[in-house]
Amino acid sequence: MKPRSHAQRFKSPAQRSRKTPRQRPAEPAQPCLLMLNKPYDVLTQFTDELGRATLKDYVPVAGVYPAGRLDRDSEGLVLLTNSGRLQARIAEPKFKLRKVYWVQVEGAPQAEQLQRLRDGIELKDGLTAPAEVEHIAEPELWPRTPPVRERKQIPTAWLQLTIYEGRNRQVRRMTAAVGLPTLRLVRVQIGEWHLADLPSGQWRTLALPDLTC
């Protein structure tokens, strides 16, 4: 083995910390965008060493990956694409795409609780941005498997909550912080894309957005 030179063995801190820039994967010749209505208890990834349900069980399309995540115990809209540029435009916080959720909470929401959500909630990872929230009638949704466990002596209610961030389990933490634990969480919109009448467990192809700006 050829011995290393003195310069090779002893690098300055600046040289040691210098990393080769990562190359962004080439954009596909035919970019695509898909929408999935993710069922409850499905991971927002394509593999799982523990054998749990993943996107692979629902989306038989090679080369796509989720643009953002949705918790295993949440349902609804997940966008998938094979374009790194489009994935970044959807998922990166700096673009602040609106995310709309229908949230079943335990308890009867009071005006002051909803106002706290609108003003921003102090969580362990900092103050949330103001949310848009309103009390809504129970939406017509597919049955959840397993069903939500409700306590007969405690009322439940539905909220429509709109945020422009994407912290880990953010909606659940926000409602819990104001005394309204989340029982069921369904994402119905990301940016311009709305779940509409797409059945649970089904997917469809979407038109590509303009990424020139």
C-alpha atoms as a PDB file:
ATOM      1  CA  MET A   1       0.000   0.000   0.000  1.00  0.00           C
ATOM      2  CA  LYS A   2       1.355   3.389  -0.962  1.00  0.00           C
ATOM      3  CA  PRO A   3       2.032   5.524   2.185  1.00  0.00           C
ATOM      4  CA  ARG A   4       0.009   8.693   2.537  1.00  0.00           C
ATOM      5  CA  SER A   5       1.856  11.988   2.365  1.00  0.00           C
ATOM      6  CA  HIS A   6       2.066  14.379   5.317  1.00  0.00           C
ATOM      7  CA  ALA A   7      -0.564  16.604   3.640  1.00  0.00           C
ATOM      8  CA  GLN A   8      -2.923  13.655   3.239  1.00  0.00           C
ATOM      9  CA  ARG A   9      -2.552  12.537   6.874  1.00  0.00           C
ATOM     10  CA  PHE A  10      -2.944  15.948   8.467  1.00  0.00           C
ATOM     11  CA  LYS A  11      -5.804  18.068   7.178  1.00  0.00           C
ATOM     12  CA  SER A  12      -6.923  21.376   8.610  1.00  0.00           C
ATOM     13  CA  PRO A  13     -10.332  21.557  10.344  1.00  0.00           C
ATOM     14  CA  ALA A  14     -11.670  23.473   7.360  1.00  0.00           C
ATOM     15  CA  GLN A  15     -10.466  20.726   5.006  1.00  0.00           C
ATOM     16  CA  ARG A  16     -11.918  17.974   7.179  1.00  0.00           C
ATOM     17  CA  SER A  17     -15.319  19.668   7.350  1.00  0.00           C
ATOM     18  CA  ARG A  18     -15.463  20.349   3.637  1.00  0.00           C
ATOM     19  CA  LYS A  19     -17.877  17.992   1.924  1.00  0.00           C
ATOM     20  CA  THR A  20     -18.457  17.293  -1.709  1.00  0.00           C
ATOM     21  CA  PRO A  21     -21.783  18.884  -2.723  1.00  0.00           C
ATOM     22  CA  ARG A  22     -24.527  16.337  -3.245  1.00  0.00           C
ATOM     23  CA  GLN A  23     -25.710  16.120  -6.795  1.00  0.00           C
ATOM     24  CA  ARG A  24     -29.467  16.479  -7.250  1.00  0.00           C
ATOM     25  CA  PRO A  25     -30.818  13.460  -9.150  1.00  0.00           C
ATOM     26  CA  ALA A  26     -31.634  14.141 -12.766  1.00  0.00           C
ATOM     27  CA  GLU A  27     -35.248  15.023 -13.434  1.00  0.00           C
ATOM     28  CA  PRO A  28     -37.279  12.240 -15.083  1.00  0.00           C
ATOM     29  CA  ALA A  29     -38.068  12.466 -18.763  1.00  0.00           C
ATOM     30  CA  GLN A  30     -41.749  12.041 -17.927  1.00  0.00           C
ATOM     31  CA  PRO A  31     -42.527  13.623 -14.541  1.00  0.00           C
ATOM     32  CA  CYS A  32     -45.735  12.549 -12.882  1.00  0.00           C
ATOM     33  CA  LEU A  33     -47.876  13.491  -9.902  1.00  0.00           C
ATOM     34  CA  LEU A  34     -50.242  11.134  -8.104  1.00  0.00           C
ATOM     35  CA  MET A  35     -52.786  11.540  -5.320  1.00  0.00           C
ATOM     36  CA  LEU A  36     -53.544   8.772  -2.817  1.00  0.00           C
ATOM     37  CA  ASN A  37     -56.267   8.669  -0.189  1.00  0.00           C
ATOM     38  CA  LYS A  38     -54.141   6.962   2.469  1.00  0.00           C
ATOM     39  CA  PRO A  39     -56.062   4.674   4.800  1.00  0.00           C
ATOM     40  CA  TYR A  40     -55.580   4.553   8.557  1.00  0.00           C
ATOM     41  CA  ASP A  41     -52.649   2.431   9.826  1.00  0.00           C
ATOM     42  CA  VAL A  42     -50.588   2.775   6.633  1.00  0.00           C
ATOM     43  CA  LEU A  43     -47.015   4.089   6.707  1.00  0.00           C
ATOM     44  CA  THR A  44     -46.123   6.903   4.283  1.00  0.00           C
ATOM     45  CA  GLN A  45     -43.194   4.948   2.847  1.00  0.00           C
ATOM     46  CA  PHE A  46     -42.704   2.023   0.488  1.00  0.00           C
ATOM     47  CA  THR A  47     -40.826  -0.443   2.707  1.00  0.00           C
ATOM     48  CA  ASP A  48     -41.042  -1.556   6.313  1.00  0.00           C
ATOM     49  CA  GLU A  49     -38.887  -4.155   8.044  1.00  0.00           C
ATOM     50  CA  LEU A  50     -41.723  -5.009  10.445  1.00  0.00           C
ATOM     51  CA  GLY A  51     -44.135  -5.954   7.693  1.00  0.00           C
ATOM     52  CA  ARG A  52     -46.613  -3.152   8.335  1.00  0.00           C
ATOM     53  CA  ALA A  53     -48.831  -1.750   5.569  1.00  0.00           C
ATOM     54  CA  THR A  54     -47.050   0.790   3.343  1.00  0.00           C
ATOM     55  CA  LEU A  55     -47.677   2.779   0.192  1.00  0.00           C
ATOM     56  CA  LYS A  56     -46.483  -0.222  -1.811  1.00  0.00           C
ATOM     57  CA  ASP A  57     -49.737  -1.973  -0.902  1.00  0.00           C
ATOM     58  CA  TYR A  58     -51.748   0.787  -2.593  1.00  0.00           C
ATOM     59  CA  VAL A  59     -49.653   2.481  -5.302  1.00  0.00           C
ATOM     60  CA  PRO A  60     -48.254   0.074  -7.953  1.00  0.00           C
ATOM     61  CA  VAL A  61     -46.218   2.780  -9.697  1.00  0.00           C
ATOM     62  CA  ALA A  62     -42.436   2.517  -9.879  1.00  0.00           C
ATOM     63  CA  GLY A  63     -40.148   5.455  -9.177  1.00  0.00           C
ATOM     64  CA  VAL A  64     -42.515   7.694  -7.206  1.00  0.00           C
ATOM     65  CA  TYR A  65     -42.076   8.808  -3.597  1.00  0.00           C
ATOM     66  CA  PRO A  66     -44.205  10.845  -1.200  1.00  0.00           C
ATOM     67  CA  ALA A  67     -43.979  14.630  -1.211  1.00  0.00           C
ATOM     68  CA  GLY A  68     -44.202  15.090   2.543  1.00  0.00           C
ATOM     69  CA  ARG A  69     -45.534  12.706   5.138  1.00  0.00           C
ATOM     70  CA  LEU A  70     -48.763  11.788   6.867  1.00  0.00           C
ATOM     71  CA  ASP A  71     -48.782   9.963  10.198  1.00  0.00           C
ATOM     72  CA  ARG A  72     -49.590   6.263  10.264  1.00  0.00           C
ATOM     73  CA  ASP A  73     -52.687   6.961  12.391  1.00  0.00           C
ATOM     74  CA  SER A  74     -53.920   9.745  10.103  1.00  0.00           C
ATOM     75  CA  GLU A  75     -55.830   9.404   6.836  1.00  0.00           C
ATOM     76  CA  GLY A  76     -56.324  11.241   3.599  1.00  0.00           C
ATOM     77  CA  LEU A  77     -54.380  13.068   0.958  1.00  0.00           C
ATOM     78  CA  VAL A  78     -50.816  12.062   0.128  1.00  0.00           C
ATOM     79  CA  LEU A  79     -49.099  13.389  -3.001  1.00  0.00           C
ATOM     80  CA  LEU A  80     -46.458  11.283  -4.761  1.00  0.00           C
ATOM     81  CA  THR A  81     -44.106  12.203  -7.576  1.00  0.00           C
ATOM     82  CA  ASN A  82     -40.985  11.049  -9.396  1.00  0.00           C
ATOM     83  CA  SER A  83     -39.724  14.644  -9.690  1.00  0.00           C
ATOM     84  CA  GLY A  84     -37.310  15.951  -7.080  1.00  0.00           C
ATOM     85  CA  ARG A  85     -38.097  19.502  -8.072  1.00  0.00           C
ATOM     86  CA  LEU A  86     -41.824  18.997  -7.639  1.00  0.00           C
ATOM     87  CA  GLN A  87     -41.333  17.087  -4.386  1.00  0.00           C
ATOM     88  CA  ALA A  88     -39.372  20.035  -2.981  1.00  0.00           C
ATOM     89  CA  ARG A  89     -42.000  22.547  -4.127  1.00  0.00           C
ATOM     90  CA  ILE A  90     -44.708  20.599  -2.289  1.00  0.00           C
ATOM     91  CA  ALA A  91     -42.871  19.484   0.836  1.00  0.00           C
ATOM     92  CA  GLU A  92     -40.335  22.167   1.729  1.00  0.00           C
ATOM     93  CA  PRO A  93     -41.631  24.552   4.448  1.00  0.00           C
ATOM     94  CA  LYS A  94     -40.346  27.670   2.675  1.00  0.00           C
ATOM     95  CA  PHE A  95     -43.102  27.359   0.060  1.00  0.00           C
ATOM     96  CA  LYS A  96     -45.794  27.346   2.800  1.00  0.00           C
ATOM     97  CA  LEU A  97     -48.419  25.347   0.972  1.00  0.00           C
ATOM     98  CA  ARG A  98     -51.711  25.277   2.842  1.00  0.00           C
ATOM     99  CA  LYS A  99     -52.706  21.959   4.378  1.00  0.00           C
ATOM    100  CA  VAL A 100     -56.352  21.482   5.323  1.00  0.00           C
ATOM    101  CA  TYR A 101     -57.475  18.855   7.818  1.00  0.00           C
ATOM    102  CA  TRP A 102     -60.798  17.624   9.118  1.00  0.00           C
ATOM    103  CA  VAL A 103     -60.255  16.837  12.764  1.00  0.00           C
ATOM    104  CA  GLN A 104     -62.551  14.957  15.115  1.00  0.00           C
ATOM    105  CA  VAL A 105     -61.766  16.055  18.651  1.00  0.00           C
ATOM    106  CA  GLU A 106     -62.892  14.884  22.042  1.00  0.00           C
ATOM    107  CA  GLY A 107     -64.848  17.570  23.873  1.00  0.00           C
ATOM    108  CA  ALA A 108     -66.999  20.540  22.977  1.00  0.00           C
ATOM    109  CA  PRO A 109     -64.792  23.285  21.496  1.00  0.00           C
ATOM    110  CA  GLN A 110     -65.109  26.652  23.174  1.00  0.00           C
ATOM    111  CA  ALA A 111     -64.484  30.012  21.514  1.00  0.00           C
ATOM    112  CA  GLU A 112     -61.340  30.641  23.555  1.00  0.00           C
ATOM    113  CA  GLN A 113     -59.875  27.259  22.555  1.00  0.00           C
ATOM    114  CA  LEU A 114     -60.389  27.977  18.870  1.00  0.00           C
ATOM    115  CA  GLN A 115     -58.889  31.437  19.289  1.00  0.00           C
ATOM    116  CA  ARG A 116     -55.756  29.955  20.846  1.00  0.00           C
ATOM    117  CA  LEU A 117     -55.326  27.790  17.747  1.00  0.00           C
ATOM    118  CA  ARG A 118     -55.754  30.875  15.562  1.00  0.00           C
ATOM    119  CA  ASP A 119     -53.198  32.819  17.581  1.00  0.00           C
ATOM    120  CA  GLY A 120     -50.551  30.076  17.611  1.00  0.00           C
ATOM    121  CA  ILE A 121     -49.697  27.412  20.176  1.00  0.00           C
ATOM    122  CA  GLU A 122     -46.458  27.167  22.132  1.00  0.00           C
ATOM    123  CA  LEU A 123     -45.201  23.609  21.618  1.00  0.00           C
ATOM    124  CA  LYS A 124     -41.939  21.992  22.714  1.00  0.00           C
ATOM    125  CA  ASP A 125     -40.400  22.879  19.352  1.00  0.00           C
ATOM    126  CA  GLY A 126     -41.592  26.482  19.432  1.00  0.00           C
ATOM    127  CA  LEU A 127     -44.592  28.644  18.671  1.00  0.00           C
ATOM    128  CA  THR A 128     -46.760  27.505  15.790  1.00  0.00           C
ATOM    129  CA  ALA A 129     -47.828  29.905  13.095  1.00  0.00           C
ATOM    130  CA  PRO A 130     -51.440  31.081  13.337  1.00  0.00           C
ATOM    131  CA  ALA A 131     -53.922  28.496  12.065  1.00  0.00           C
ATOM    132  CA  GLU A 132     -57.276  28.888  10.394  1.00  0.00           C
ATOM    133  CA  VAL A 133     -59.909  26.943  12.320  1.00  0.00           C
ATOM    134  CA  GLU A 134     -63.672  26.614  12.287  1.00  0.00           C
ATOM    135  CA  HIS A 135     -66.268  24.331  13.822  1.00  0.00           C
ATOM    136  CA  ILE A 136     -67.897  22.197  11.074  1.00  0.00           C
ATOM    137  CA  ALA A 137     -70.675  19.641  10.821  1.00  0.00           C
ATOM    138  CA  GLU A 138     -69.596  16.019  10.795  1.00  0.00           C
ATOM    139  CA  PRO A 139     -68.320  15.350   7.242  1.00  0.00           C
ATOM    140  CA  GLU A 140     -69.417  12.371   5.172  1.00  0.00           C
ATOM    141  CA  LEU A 141     -66.409  10.064   5.337  1.00  0.00           C
ATOM    142  CA  TRP A 142     -65.635   6.421   4.652  1.00  0.00           C
ATOM    143  CA  PRO A 143     -65.736   4.115   7.703  1.00  0.00           C
ATOM    144  CA  ARG A 144     -62.436   3.889   9.529  1.00  0.00           C
ATOM    145  CA  THR A 145     -60.950   0.477  10.303  1.00  0.00           C
ATOM    146  CA  PRO A 146     -60.786   0.087  13.245  1.00  0.00           C
ATOM    147  CA  PRO A 147     -63.540   2.541  14.280  1.00  0.00           C
ATOM    148  CA  VAL A 148     -62.735   5.497  16.492  1.00  0.00           C
ATOM    149  CA  ARG A 149     -63.206   4.655  20.158  1.00  0.00           C
ATOM    150  CA  GLU A 150     -65.508   7.272  21.622  1.00  0.00           C
ATOM    151  CA  ARG A 151     -66.515   7.639  25.269  1.00  0.00           C
ATOM    152  CA  LYS A 152     -70.292   7.871  25.589  1.00  0.00           C
ATOM    153  CA  GLN A 153     -70.203  10.439  28.385  1.00  0.00           C
ATOM    154  CA  ILE A 154     -67.891  12.814  26.491  1.00  0.00           C
ATOM    155  CA  PRO A 155     -69.071  14.679  23.371  1.00  0.00           C
ATOM    156  CA  THR A 156     -67.019  14.932  20.197  1.00  0.00           C
ATOM    157  CA  ALA A 157     -66.872  17.615  17.512  1.00  0.00           C
ATOM    158  CA  TRP A 158     -65.338  18.243  14.091  1.00  0.00           C
ATOM    159  CA  LEU A 159     -63.012  21.095  13.187  1.00  0.00           C
ATOM    160  CA  GLN A 160     -61.547  22.224   9.894  1.00  0.00           C
ATOM    161  CA  LEU A 161     -57.964  23.230  10.603  1.00  0.00           C
ATOM    162  CA  THR A 162     -55.653  24.874   8.060  1.00  0.00           C
ATOM    163  CA  ILE A 163     -51.911  25.216   8.672  1.00  0.00           C
ATOM    164  CA  TYR A 164     -48.951  26.279   6.565  1.00  0.00           C
ATOM    165  CA  GLU A 165     -46.276  24.293   8.395  1.00  0.00           C
ATOM    166  CA  GLY A 166     -45.475  20.601   8.596  1.00  0.00           C
ATOM    167  CA  ARG A 167     -44.076  19.744  12.010  1.00  0.00           C
ATOM    168  CA  ASN A 168     -44.195  16.209  13.343  1.00  0.00           C
ATOM    169  CA  ARG A 169     -47.751  15.385  14.506  1.00  0.00           C
ATOM    170  CA  GLN A 170     -48.449  19.098  14.594  1.00  0.00           C
ATOM    171  CA  VAL A 171     -52.248  19.082  14.410  1.00  0.00           C
ATOM    172  CA  ARG A 172     -52.568  16.465  17.142  1.00  0.00           C
ATOM    173  CA  ARG A 173     -50.212  18.382  19.409  1.00  0.00           C
ATOM    174  CA  MET A 174     -52.011  21.646  18.787  1.00  0.00           C
ATOM    175  CA  THR A 175     -55.472  20.342  19.632  1.00  0.00           C
ATOM    176  CA  ALA A 176     -54.163  18.485  22.691  1.00  0.00           C
ATOM    177  CA  ALA A 177     -52.526  21.693  23.924  1.00  0.00           C
ATOM    178  CA  VAL A 178     -55.920  23.435  24.076  1.00  0.00           C
ATOM    179  CA  GLY A 179     -57.666  20.500  25.742  1.00  0.00           C
ATOM    180  CA  LEU A 180     -59.216  18.930  22.634  1.00  0.00           C
ATOM    181  CA  PRO A 181     -57.502  15.584  21.970  1.00  0.00           C
ATOM    182  CA  THR A 182     -57.686  14.415  18.362  1.00  0.00           C
ATOM    183  CA  LEU A 183     -59.640  11.222  17.750  1.00  0.00           C
ATOM    184  CA  ARG A 184     -59.567  11.147  13.945  1.00  0.00           C
ATOM    185  CA  LEU A 185     -57.478  13.183  11.527  1.00  0.00           C
ATOM    186  CA  VAL A 186     -58.098  13.394   7.774  1.00  0.00           C
ATOM    187  CA  ARG A 187     -56.052  15.585   5.434  1.00  0.00           C
ATOM    188  CA  VAL A 188     -58.258  16.819   2.614  1.00  0.00           C
ATOM    189  CA  GLN A 189     -56.127  19.422   0.821  1.00  0.00           C
ATOM    190  CA  ILE A 190     -52.520  20.368   0.055  1.00  0.00           C
ATOM    191  CA  GLY A 191     -52.049  23.584  -1.887  1.00  0.00           C
ATOM    192  CA  GLU A 192     -54.313  23.440  -4.941  1.00  0.00           C
ATOM    193  CA  TRP A 193     -54.945  19.677  -4.660  1.00  0.00           C
ATOM    194  CA  HIS A 194     -58.126  18.517  -2.925  1.00  0.00           C
ATOM    195  CA  LEU A 195     -59.063  14.962  -1.987  1.00  0.00           C
ATOM    196  CA  ALA A 196     -62.626  15.468  -3.307  1.00  0.00           C
ATOM    197  CA  ASP A 197     -64.437  12.143  -3.840  1.00  0.00           C
ATOM    198  CA  LEU A 198     -61.395   9.856  -4.074  1.00  0.00           C
ATOM    199  CA  PRO A 199     -62.225   6.673  -2.093  1.00  0.00           C
ATOM    200  CA  SER A 200     -59.993   5.509   0.735  1.00  0.00           C
ATOM    201  CA  GLY A 201     -57.154   3.313  -0.545  1.00  0.00           C
ATOM    202  CA  GLN A 202     -57.472   4.575  -4.129  1.00  0.00           C
ATOM    203  CA  TRP A 203     -55.131   6.781  -6.181  1.00  0.00           C
ATOM    204  CA  ARG A 204     -55.282   8.792  -9.379  1.00  0.00           C
ATOM    205  CA  THR A 205     -52.982  10.774 -11.662  1.00  0.00           C
ATOM    206  CA  LEU A 206     -52.980  14.570 -11.444  1.00  0.00           C
ATOM    207  CA  ALA A 207     -52.092  17.282 -13.920  1.00  0.00           C
ATOM    208  CA  LEU A 208     -48.613  18.682 -13.389  1.00  0.00           C
ATOM    209  CA  PRO A 209     -48.405  22.232 -11.981  1.00  0.00           C
ATOM    210  CA  ASP A 210     -46.435  25.063 -13.543  1.00  0.00           C
ATOM    211  CA  LEU A 211     -42.965  25.149 -11.951  1.00  0.00           C
ATOM    212  CA  THR A 212     -41.535  27.997 -13.994  1.00  0.00           C
ATOM    213  CA  CYS A 213     -41.710  30.540 -11.143  1.00  0.00           C
END
